[in-house]
PDB file of all heavy atoms in Angstrom:
ATOM      1  N   VAL A   1      74.233 110.619 100.624  1.00  0.00           N
ATOM      2  CA  VAL A   1      75.469 110.573  99.845  1.00  0.00           C
ATOM      3  C   VAL A   1      75.668 109.151  99.315  1.00  0.00           C
ATOM      4  O   VAL A   1      75.531 108.180 100.049  1.00  0.00           O
ATOM      5  CB  VAL A   1      76.686 110.993 100.690  1.00  0.00           C
ATOM      6  CG1 VAL A   1      77.972 110.841  99.897  1.00  0.00           C
ATOM      7  CG2 VAL A   1      76.520 112.430 101.179  1.00  0.00           C
ATOM      8  N   PHE A   2      76.005 109.075  98.043  1.00  0.00           N
ATOM      9  CA  PHE A   2      76.223 107.813  97.355  1.00  0.00           C
ATOM     10  C   PHE A   2      77.639 107.791  96.802  1.00  0.00           C
ATOM     11  O   PHE A   2      78.278 108.824  96.679  1.00  0.00           O
ATOM     12  CB  PHE A   2      75.216 107.655  96.214  1.00  0.00           C
ATOM     13  CG  PHE A   2      73.799 107.842  96.660  1.00  0.00           C
ATOM     14  CD1 PHE A   2      73.159 109.062  96.508  1.00  0.00           C
ATOM     15  CD2 PHE A   2      73.119 106.804  97.264  1.00  0.00           C
ATOM     16  CE1 PHE A   2      71.857 109.239  96.944  1.00  0.00           C
ATOM     17  CE2 PHE A   2      71.818 106.966  97.709  1.00  0.00           C
ATOM     18  CZ  PHE A   2      71.185 108.191  97.549  1.00  0.00           C
ATOM     19  N   VAL A   3      78.103 106.606  96.436  1.00  0.00           N
ATOM     20  CA  VAL A   3      79.445 106.458  95.869  1.00  0.00           C
ATOM     21  C   VAL A   3      79.355 105.617  94.605  1.00  0.00           C
ATOM     22  O   VAL A   3      78.672 104.591  94.572  1.00  0.00           O
ATOM     23  CB  VAL A   3      80.412 105.787  96.871  1.00  0.00           C
ATOM     24  CG1 VAL A   3      81.734 105.416  96.210  1.00  0.00           C
ATOM     25  CG2 VAL A   3      80.654 106.696  98.070  1.00  0.00           C
ATOM     26  N   LEU A   4      80.060 106.072  93.577  1.00  0.00           N
ATOM     27  CA  LEU A   4      80.300 105.293  92.373  1.00  0.00           C
ATOM     28  C   LEU A   4      81.804 105.075  92.330  1.00  0.00           C
ATOM     29  O   LEU A   4      82.565 106.031  92.200  1.00  0.00           O
ATOM     30  CB  LEU A   4      79.835 106.034  91.119  1.00  0.00           C
ATOM     31  CG  LEU A   4      80.182 105.388  89.776  1.00  0.00           C
ATOM     32  CD1 LEU A   4      79.563 103.990  89.656  1.00  0.00           C
ATOM     33  CD2 LEU A   4      79.727 106.278  88.626  1.00  0.00           C
ATOM     34  N   ALA A   5      82.227 103.827  92.500  1.00  0.00           N
ATOM     35  CA  ALA A   5      83.654 103.506  92.546  1.00  0.00           C
ATOM     36  C   ALA A   5      84.035 102.691  91.323  1.00  0.00           C
ATOM     37  O   ALA A   5      83.414 101.669  91.039  1.00  0.00           O
ATOM     38  CB  ALA A   5      83.980 102.735  93.814  1.00  0.00           C
ATOM     39  N   LEU A   6      85.069 103.146  90.648  1.00  0.00           N
ATOM     40  CA  LEU A   6      85.565 102.443  89.472  1.00  0.00           C
ATOM     41  C   LEU A   6      86.830 101.684  89.833  1.00  0.00           C
ATOM     42  O   LEU A   6      87.478 101.963  90.831  1.00  0.00           O
ATOM     43  CB  LEU A   6      85.798 103.436  88.342  1.00  0.00           C
ATOM     44  CG  LEU A   6      84.553 104.265  87.994  1.00  0.00           C
ATOM     45  CD1 LEU A   6      84.866 105.278  86.916  1.00  0.00           C
ATOM     46  CD2 LEU A   6      83.398 103.386  87.572  1.00  0.00           C
ATOM     47  N   ARG A   7      87.171 100.737  89.021  1.00  0.00           N
ATOM     48  CA  ARG A   7      88.222  99.740  89.211  1.00  0.00           C
ATOM     49  C   ARG A   7      89.258  99.996  90.299  1.00  0.00           C
ATOM     50  O   ARG A   7      89.367  99.219  91.234  1.00  0.00           O
ATOM     51  CB  ARG A   7      88.925  99.517  87.878  1.00  0.00           C
ATOM     52  CG  ARG A   7      88.041  98.823  86.886  1.00  0.00           C
ATOM     53  CD  ARG A   7      88.470  99.150  85.461  1.00  0.00           C
ATOM     54  NE  ARG A   7      87.355  99.020  84.539  1.00  0.00           N
ATOM     55  CZ  ARG A   7      86.490 100.005  84.269  1.00  0.00           C
ATOM     56  NH1 ARG A   7      86.598 101.170  84.823  1.00  0.00           N
ATOM     57  NH2 ARG A   7      85.507  99.794  83.420  1.00  0.00           N
ATOM     58  N   ASP A   8      90.056 101.041  90.187  1.00  0.00           N
ATOM     59  CA  ASP A   8      91.147 101.262  91.143  1.00  0.00           C
ATOM     60  C   ASP A   8      90.649 101.560  92.555  1.00  0.00           C
ATOM     61  O   ASP A   8      91.379 101.379  93.517  1.00  0.00           O
ATOM     62  CB  ASP A   8      92.070 102.386  90.669  1.00  0.00           C
ATOM     63  CG  ASP A   8      92.883 101.983  89.447  1.00  0.00           C
ATOM     64  OD1 ASP A   8      93.028 100.770  89.193  1.00  0.00           O
ATOM     65  OD2 ASP A   8      93.367 102.887  88.742  1.00  0.00           O
ATOM     66  N   ALA A   9      89.423 102.023  92.690  1.00  0.00           N
ATOM     67  CA  ALA A   9      88.864 102.344  94.003  1.00  0.00           C
ATOM     68  C   ALA A   9      87.869 101.297  94.483  1.00  0.00           C
ATOM     69  O   ALA A   9      87.285 101.435  95.553  1.00  0.00           O
ATOM     70  CB  ALA A   9      88.189 103.714  93.961  1.00  0.00           C
ATOM     71  N   ALA A  10      87.672 100.238  93.712  1.00  0.00           N
ATOM     72  CA  ALA A  10      86.635  99.243  94.009  1.00  0.00           C
ATOM     73  C   ALA A  10      86.840  98.571  95.357  1.00  0.00           C
ATOM     74  O   ALA A  10      85.911  98.487  96.163  1.00  0.00           O
ATOM     75  CB  ALA A  10      86.572  98.205  92.902  1.00  0.00           C
ATOM     76  N   SER A  11      88.034  98.092  95.639  1.00  0.00           N
ATOM     77  CA  SER A  11      88.277  97.371  96.895  1.00  0.00           C
ATOM     78  C   SER A  11      88.109  98.281  98.099  1.00  0.00           C
ATOM     79  O   SER A  11      87.543  97.877  99.121  1.00  0.00           O
ATOM     80  CB  SER A  11      89.676  96.751  96.882  1.00  0.00           C
ATOM     81  OG  SER A  11      89.733  95.750  95.895  1.00  0.00           O
ATOM     82  N   ALA A  12      88.576  99.521  98.001  1.00  0.00           N
ATOM     83  CA  ALA A  12      88.413 100.473  99.110  1.00  0.00           C
ATOM     84  C   ALA A  12      86.931 100.799  99.330  1.00  0.00           C
ATOM     85  O   ALA A  12      86.474 100.918 100.467  1.00  0.00           O
ATOM     86  CB  ALA A  12      89.203 101.747  98.844  1.00  0.00           C
ATOM     87  N   ALA A  13      86.182 100.931  98.243  1.00  0.00           N
ATOM     88  CA  ALA A  13      84.764 101.275  98.361  1.00  0.00           C
ATOM     89  C   ALA A  13      83.964 100.164  99.022  1.00  0.00           C
ATOM     90  O   ALA A  13      82.976 100.426  99.715  1.00  0.00           O
ATOM     91  CB  ALA A  13      84.186 101.578  96.981  1.00  0.00           C
ATOM     92  N   TRP A  14      84.370  98.918  98.841  1.00  0.00           N
ATOM     93  CA  TRP A  14      83.666  97.781  99.434  1.00  0.00           C
ATOM     94  C   TRP A  14      83.560  97.933 100.945  1.00  0.00           C
ATOM     95  O   TRP A  14      82.586  97.503 101.548  1.00  0.00           O
ATOM     96  CB  TRP A  14      84.409  96.491  99.072  1.00  0.00           C
ATOM     97  CG  TRP A  14      83.736  95.236  99.508  1.00  0.00           C
ATOM     98  CD1 TRP A  14      83.973  94.543 100.678  1.00  0.00           C
ATOM     99  CD2 TRP A  14      82.722  94.518  98.821  1.00  0.00           C
ATOM    100  NE1 TRP A  14      83.167  93.430 100.735  1.00  0.00           N
ATOM    101  CE2 TRP A  14      82.393  93.393  99.608  1.00  0.00           C
ATOM    102  CE3 TRP A  14      82.063  94.712  97.607  1.00  0.00           C
ATOM    103  CZ2 TRP A  14      81.431  92.468  99.213  1.00  0.00           C
ATOM    104  CZ3 TRP A  14      81.110  93.793  97.218  1.00  0.00           C
ATOM    105  CH2 TRP A  14      80.798  92.687  98.019  1.00  0.00           C
ATOM    106  N   SER A  15      84.537  98.569 101.567  1.00  0.00           N
ATOM    107  CA  SER A  15      84.581  98.699 103.021  1.00  0.00           C
ATOM    108  C   SER A  15      84.050 100.028 103.534  1.00  0.00           C
ATOM    109  O   SER A  15      84.094 100.278 104.738  1.00  0.00           O
ATOM    110  CB  SER A  15      86.027  98.524 103.509  1.00  0.00           C
ATOM    111  OG  SER A  15      86.515  97.268 103.118  1.00  0.00           O
ATOM    112  N   LEU A  16      83.567 100.896 102.663  1.00  0.00           N
ATOM    113  CA  LEU A  16      83.083 102.203 103.102  1.00  0.00           C
ATOM    114  C   LEU A  16      81.852 102.070 103.987  1.00  0.00           C
ATOM    115  O   LEU A  16      81.039 101.170 103.820  1.00  0.00           O
ATOM    116  CB  LEU A  16      82.720 103.079 101.899  1.00  0.00           C
ATOM    117  CG  LEU A  16      83.863 103.659 101.102  1.00  0.00           C
ATOM    118  CD1 LEU A  16      83.314 104.442  99.905  1.00  0.00           C
ATOM    119  CD2 LEU A  16      84.730 104.555 101.955  1.00  0.00           C
ATOM    120  N   CYS A  17      81.730 103.004 104.894  1.00  0.00           N
ATOM    121  CA  CYS A  17      80.500 103.110 105.681  1.00  0.00           C
ATOM    122  C   CYS A  17      80.147 104.591 105.740  1.00  0.00           C
ATOM    123  O   CYS A  17      80.930 105.446 105.350  1.00  0.00           O
ATOM    124  CB  CYS A  17      80.676 102.509 107.070  1.00  0.00           C
ATOM    125  SG  CYS A  17      82.028 103.192 108.001  1.00  0.00           S
ATOM    126  N   GLY A  18      78.961 104.896 106.203  1.00  0.00           N
ATOM    127  CA  GLY A  18      78.546 106.283 106.317  1.00  0.00           C
ATOM    128  C   GLY A  18      77.975 106.884 105.045  1.00  0.00           C
ATOM    129  O   GLY A  18      77.775 108.088 104.976  1.00  0.00           O
ATOM    130  N   VAL A  19      77.724 106.070 104.035  1.00  0.00           N
ATOM    131  CA  VAL A  19      77.058 106.532 102.823  1.00  0.00           C
ATOM    132  C   VAL A  19      75.780 105.721 102.661  1.00  0.00           C
ATOM    133  O   VAL A  19      75.611 104.668 103.276  1.00  0.00           O
ATOM    134  CB  VAL A  19      77.961 106.415 101.575  1.00  0.00           C
ATOM    135  CG1 VAL A  19      79.197 107.291 101.708  1.00  0.00           C
ATOM    136  CG2 VAL A  19      78.359 104.981 101.289  1.00  0.00           C
ATOM    137  N   ALA A  20      74.879 106.211 101.813  1.00  0.00           N
ATOM    138  CA  ALA A  20      73.586 105.537 101.654  1.00  0.00           C
ATOM    139  C   ALA A  20      73.678 104.275 100.808  1.00  0.00           C
ATOM    140  O   ALA A  20      73.016 103.284 101.107  1.00  0.00           O
ATOM    141  CB  ALA A  20      72.575 106.506 101.039  1.00  0.00           C
ATOM    142  N   ALA A  21      74.495 104.304  99.758  1.00  0.00           N
ATOM    143  CA  ALA A  21      74.634 103.150  98.863  1.00  0.00           C
ATOM    144  C   ALA A  21      75.840 103.339  97.960  1.00  0.00           C
ATOM    145  O   ALA A  21      76.289 104.463  97.742  1.00  0.00           O
ATOM    146  CB  ALA A  21      73.368 102.967  98.015  1.00  0.00           C
ATOM    147  N   ILE A  22      76.324 102.216  97.420  1.00  0.00           N
ATOM    148  CA  ILE A  22      77.520 102.231  96.578  1.00  0.00           C
ATOM    149  C   ILE A  22      77.273 101.391  95.331  1.00  0.00           C
ATOM    150  O   ILE A  22      76.681 100.314  95.417  1.00  0.00           O
ATOM    151  CB  ILE A  22      78.727 101.630  97.334  1.00  0.00           C
ATOM    152  CG1 ILE A  22      79.005 102.412  98.621  1.00  0.00           C
ATOM    153  CG2 ILE A  22      79.970 101.605  96.455  1.00  0.00           C
ATOM    154  CD1 ILE A  22      80.025 101.746  99.536  1.00  0.00           C
ATOM    155  N   VAL A  23      77.749 101.888  94.202  1.00  0.00           N
ATOM    156  CA  VAL A  23      77.823 101.105  92.972  1.00  0.00           C
ATOM    157  C   VAL A  23      79.305 100.964  92.656  1.00  0.00           C
ATOM    158  O   VAL A  23      80.034 101.951  92.620  1.00  0.00           O
ATOM    159  CB  VAL A  23      77.080 101.776  91.801  1.00  0.00           C
ATOM    160  CG1 VAL A  23      77.340 101.030  90.489  1.00  0.00           C
ATOM    161  CG2 VAL A  23      75.584 101.837  92.084  1.00  0.00           C
ATOM    162  N   ILE A  24      79.732  99.729  92.448  1.00  0.00           N
ATOM    163  CA  ILE A  24      81.144  99.442  92.198  1.00  0.00           C
ATOM    164  C   ILE A  24      81.291  98.779  90.838  1.00  0.00           C
ATOM    165  O   ILE A  24      80.578  97.825  90.528  1.00  0.00           O
ATOM    166  CB  ILE A  24      81.705  98.496  93.288  1.00  0.00           C
ATOM    167  CG1 ILE A  24      81.649  99.165  94.664  1.00  0.00           C
ATOM    168  CG2 ILE A  24      83.135  98.064  92.946  1.00  0.00           C
ATOM    169  CD1 ILE A  24      82.032  98.231  95.806  1.00  0.00           C
ATOM    170  N   VAL A  25      82.224  99.288  90.043  1.00  0.00           N
ATOM    171  CA  VAL A  25      82.625  98.650  88.802  1.00  0.00           C
ATOM    172  C   VAL A  25      84.015  98.096  89.061  1.00  0.00           C
ATOM    173  O   VAL A  25      84.941  98.852  89.359  1.00  0.00           O
ATOM    174  CB  VAL A  25      82.653  99.641  87.621  1.00  0.00           C
ATOM    175  CG1 VAL A  25      83.118  98.951  86.349  1.00  0.00           C
ATOM    176  CG2 VAL A  25      81.274 100.271  87.425  1.00  0.00           C
ATOM    177  N   ALA A  26      84.161  96.763  88.988  1.00  0.00           N
ATOM    178  CA  ALA A  26      85.401  96.142  89.443  1.00  0.00           C
ATOM    179  C   ALA A  26      85.956  95.144  88.450  1.00  0.00           C
ATOM    180  O   ALA A  26      85.240  94.589  87.621  1.00  0.00           O
ATOM    181  CB  ALA A  26      85.159  95.442  90.782  1.00  0.00           C
ATOM    182  N   ASP A  27      87.240  94.894  88.623  1.00  0.00           N
ATOM    183  CA  ASP A  27      87.892  93.805  87.916  1.00  0.00           C
ATOM    184  C   ASP A  27      88.187  92.720  88.953  1.00  0.00           C
ATOM    185  O   ASP A  27      87.656  92.763  90.074  1.00  0.00           O
ATOM    186  CB  ASP A  27      89.149  94.289  87.183  1.00  0.00           C
ATOM    187  CG  ASP A  27      90.139  95.006  88.084  1.00  0.00           C
ATOM    188  OD1 ASP A  27      90.139  94.757  89.318  1.00  0.00           O
ATOM    189  OD2 ASP A  27      90.929  95.814  87.568  1.00  0.00           O
ATOM    190  N   SER A  28      89.020  91.769  88.628  1.00  0.00           N
ATOM    191  CA  SER A  28      89.251  90.635  89.529  1.00  0.00           C
ATOM    192  C   SER A  28      89.932  91.004  90.841  1.00  0.00           C
ATOM    193  O   SER A  28      89.912  90.219  91.790  1.00  0.00           O
ATOM    194  CB  SER A  28      90.049  89.550  88.807  1.00  0.00           C
ATOM    195  OG  SER A  28      91.287  90.070  88.377  1.00  0.00           O
ATOM    196  N   ARG A  29      90.497  92.212  90.958  1.00  0.00           N
ATOM    197  CA  ARG A  29      91.123  92.619  92.224  1.00  0.00           C
ATOM    198  C   ARG A  29      90.121  92.687  93.369  1.00  0.00           C
ATOM    199  O   ARG A  29      90.500  92.629  94.534  1.00  0.00           O
ATOM    200  CB  ARG A  29      91.821  93.973  92.074  1.00  0.00           C
ATOM    201  CG  ARG A  29      93.039  93.917  91.157  1.00  0.00           C
ATOM    202  CD  ARG A  29      93.628  95.280  90.964  1.00  0.00           C
ATOM    203  NE  ARG A  29      92.765  96.062  90.071  1.00  0.00           N
ATOM    204  CZ  ARG A  29      92.955  97.337  89.769  1.00  0.00           C
ATOM    205  NH1 ARG A  29      93.967  98.008  90.284  1.00  0.00           N
ATOM    206  NH2 ARG A  29      92.134  97.965  88.944  1.00  0.00           N
ATOM    207  N   ILE A  30      88.841  92.794  93.072  1.00  0.00           N
ATOM    208  CA  ILE A  30      87.819  92.862  94.113  1.00  0.00           C
ATOM    209  C   ILE A  30      87.768  91.576  94.935  1.00  0.00           C
ATOM    210  O   ILE A  30      87.305  91.569  96.075  1.00  0.00           O
ATOM    211  CB  ILE A  30      86.432  93.197  93.507  1.00  0.00           C
ATOM    212  CG1 ILE A  30      85.441  93.640  94.577  1.00  0.00           C
ATOM    213  CG2 ILE A  30      85.868  92.018  92.740  1.00  0.00           C
ATOM    214  CD1 ILE A  30      85.655  95.007  95.107  1.00  0.00           C
ATOM    215  N   ALA A  31      88.265  90.488  94.392  1.00  0.00           N
ATOM    216  CA  ALA A  31      88.224  89.194  95.092  1.00  0.00           C
ATOM    217  C   ALA A  31      88.901  89.252  96.452  1.00  0.00           C
ATOM    218  O   ALA A  31      88.540  88.497  97.359  1.00  0.00           O
ATOM    219  CB  ALA A  31      88.862  88.106  94.230  1.00  0.00           C
ATOM    220  N   THR A  32      89.850  90.158  96.641  1.00  0.00           N
ATOM    221  CA  THR A  32      90.584  90.236  97.908  1.00  0.00           C
ATOM    222  C   THR A  32      89.720  90.693  99.074  1.00  0.00           C
ATOM    223  O   THR A  32      90.087  90.472 100.222  1.00  0.00           O
ATOM    224  CB  THR A  32      91.795  91.184  97.784  1.00  0.00           C
ATOM    225  OG1 THR A  32      91.325  92.505  97.475  1.00  0.00           O
ATOM    226  CG2 THR A  32      92.758  90.696  96.716  1.00  0.00           C
ATOM    227  N   VAL A  33      88.586  91.314  98.818  1.00  0.00           N
ATOM    228  CA  VAL A  33      87.755  91.842  99.914  1.00  0.00           C
ATOM    229  C   VAL A  33      86.412  91.137 100.062  1.00  0.00           C
ATOM    230  O   VAL A  33      85.639  91.476 100.956  1.00  0.00           O
ATOM    231  CB  VAL A  33      87.517  93.361  99.758  1.00  0.00           C
ATOM    232  CG1 VAL A  33      88.832  94.121  99.811  1.00  0.00           C
ATOM    233  CG2 VAL A  33      86.745  93.676  98.489  1.00  0.00           C
ATOM    234  N   LEU A  34      86.136  90.168  99.226  1.00  0.00           N
ATOM    235  CA  LEU A  34      84.796  89.576  99.197  1.00  0.00           C
ATOM    236  C   LEU A  34      84.443  88.731 100.413  1.00  0.00           C
ATOM    237  O   LEU A  34      83.283  88.410 100.607  1.00  0.00           O
ATOM    238  CB  LEU A  34      84.607  88.756  97.921  1.00  0.00           C
ATOM    239  CG  LEU A  34      84.647  89.557  96.630  1.00  0.00           C
ATOM    240  CD1 LEU A  34      84.455  88.635  95.436  1.00  0.00           C
ATOM    241  CD2 LEU A  34      83.617  90.668  96.635  1.00  0.00           C
ATOM    242  N   ARG A  35      85.407  88.398 101.236  1.00  0.00           N
ATOM    243  CA  ARG A  35      85.084  87.616 102.444  1.00  0.00           C
ATOM    244  C   ARG A  35      84.270  88.434 103.434  1.00  0.00           C
ATOM    245  O   ARG A  35      83.489  87.891 104.196  1.00  0.00           O
ATOM    246  CB  ARG A  35      86.368  87.134 103.112  1.00  0.00           C
ATOM    247  CG  ARG A  35      87.034  86.025 102.334  1.00  0.00           C
ATOM    248  CD  ARG A  35      88.165  85.402 103.135  1.00  0.00           C
ATOM    249  NE  ARG A  35      88.844  84.426 102.327  1.00  0.00           N
ATOM    250  CZ  ARG A  35      90.083  84.555 101.895  1.00  0.00           C
ATOM    251  NH1 ARG A  35      90.790  85.623 102.241  1.00  0.00           N
ATOM    252  NH2 ARG A  35      90.624  83.639 101.149  1.00  0.00           N
ATOM    253  N   ARG A  36      84.501  89.734 103.428  1.00  0.00           N
ATOM    254  CA  ARG A  36      83.757  90.630 104.326  1.00  0.00           C
ATOM    255  C   ARG A  36      82.467  91.079 103.658  1.00  0.00           C
ATOM    256  O   ARG A  36      82.429  91.296 102.457  1.00  0.00           O
ATOM    257  CB  ARG A  36      84.588  91.877 104.640  1.00  0.00           C
ATOM    258  CG  ARG A  36      85.865  91.616 105.370  1.00  0.00           C
ATOM    259  CD  ARG A  36      86.543  92.926 105.771  1.00  0.00           C
ATOM    260  NE  ARG A  36      86.678  93.866 104.671  1.00  0.00           N
ATOM    261  CZ  ARG A  36      87.783  94.038 103.944  1.00  0.00           C
ATOM    262  NH1 ARG A  36      88.838  93.297 104.173  1.00  0.00           N
ATOM    263  NH2 ARG A  36      87.823  94.924 102.980  1.00  0.00           N
ATOM    264  N   ALA A  37      81.445  91.240 104.459  1.00  0.00           N
ATOM    265  CA  ALA A  37      80.199  91.795 103.948  1.00  0.00           C
ATOM    266  C   ALA A  37      80.318  93.313 103.955  1.00  0.00           C
ATOM    267  O   ALA A  37      80.865  93.891 104.894  1.00  0.00           O
ATOM    268  CB  ALA A  37      79.030  91.364 104.824  1.00  0.00           C
ATOM    269  N   PRO A  38      79.827  93.977 102.919  1.00  0.00           N
ATOM    270  CA  PRO A  38      79.853  95.438 102.938  1.00  0.00           C
ATOM    271  C   PRO A  38      78.901  95.961 104.010  1.00  0.00           C
ATOM    272  O   PRO A  38      77.926  95.294 104.357  1.00  0.00           O
ATOM    273  CB  PRO A  38      79.408  95.829 101.532  1.00  0.00           C
ATOM    274  CG  PRO A  38      78.646  94.658 101.035  1.00  0.00           C
ATOM    275  CD  PRO A  38      79.219  93.451 101.711  1.00  0.00           C
ATOM    276  N   SER A  39      79.186  97.155 104.520  1.00  0.00           N
ATOM    277  CA  SER A  39      78.349  97.701 105.588  1.00  0.00           C
ATOM    278  C   SER A  39      77.207  98.557 105.068  1.00  0.00           C
ATOM    279  O   SER A  39      76.364  98.996 105.843  1.00  0.00           O
ATOM    280  CB  SER A  39      79.205  98.502 106.570  1.00  0.00           C
ATOM    281  OG  SER A  39      79.864  99.543 105.892  1.00  0.00           O
ATOM    282  N   VAL A  40      77.173  98.825 103.780  1.00  0.00           N
ATOM    283  CA  VAL A  40      76.079  99.578 103.162  1.00  0.00           C
ATOM    284  C   VAL A  40      75.622  98.829 101.907  1.00  0.00           C
ATOM    285  O   VAL A  40      76.343  97.964 101.409  1.00  0.00           O
ATOM    286  CB  VAL A  40      76.499 101.029 102.809  1.00  0.00           C
ATOM    287  CG1 VAL A  40      76.929 101.788 104.048  1.00  0.00           C
ATOM    288  CG2 VAL A  40      77.592 101.055 101.765  1.00  0.00           C
TER     289      VAL A  40
END
């Protein structure tokens, strides 16, 4: 299972686990989660 996350879901997708891979299309709101490493 893969995830394609667009702007409004970008920050939530950064923290997802249990999927094989994620592609995120983001705006500057993604900056709030960049301190953490994604788990996938």
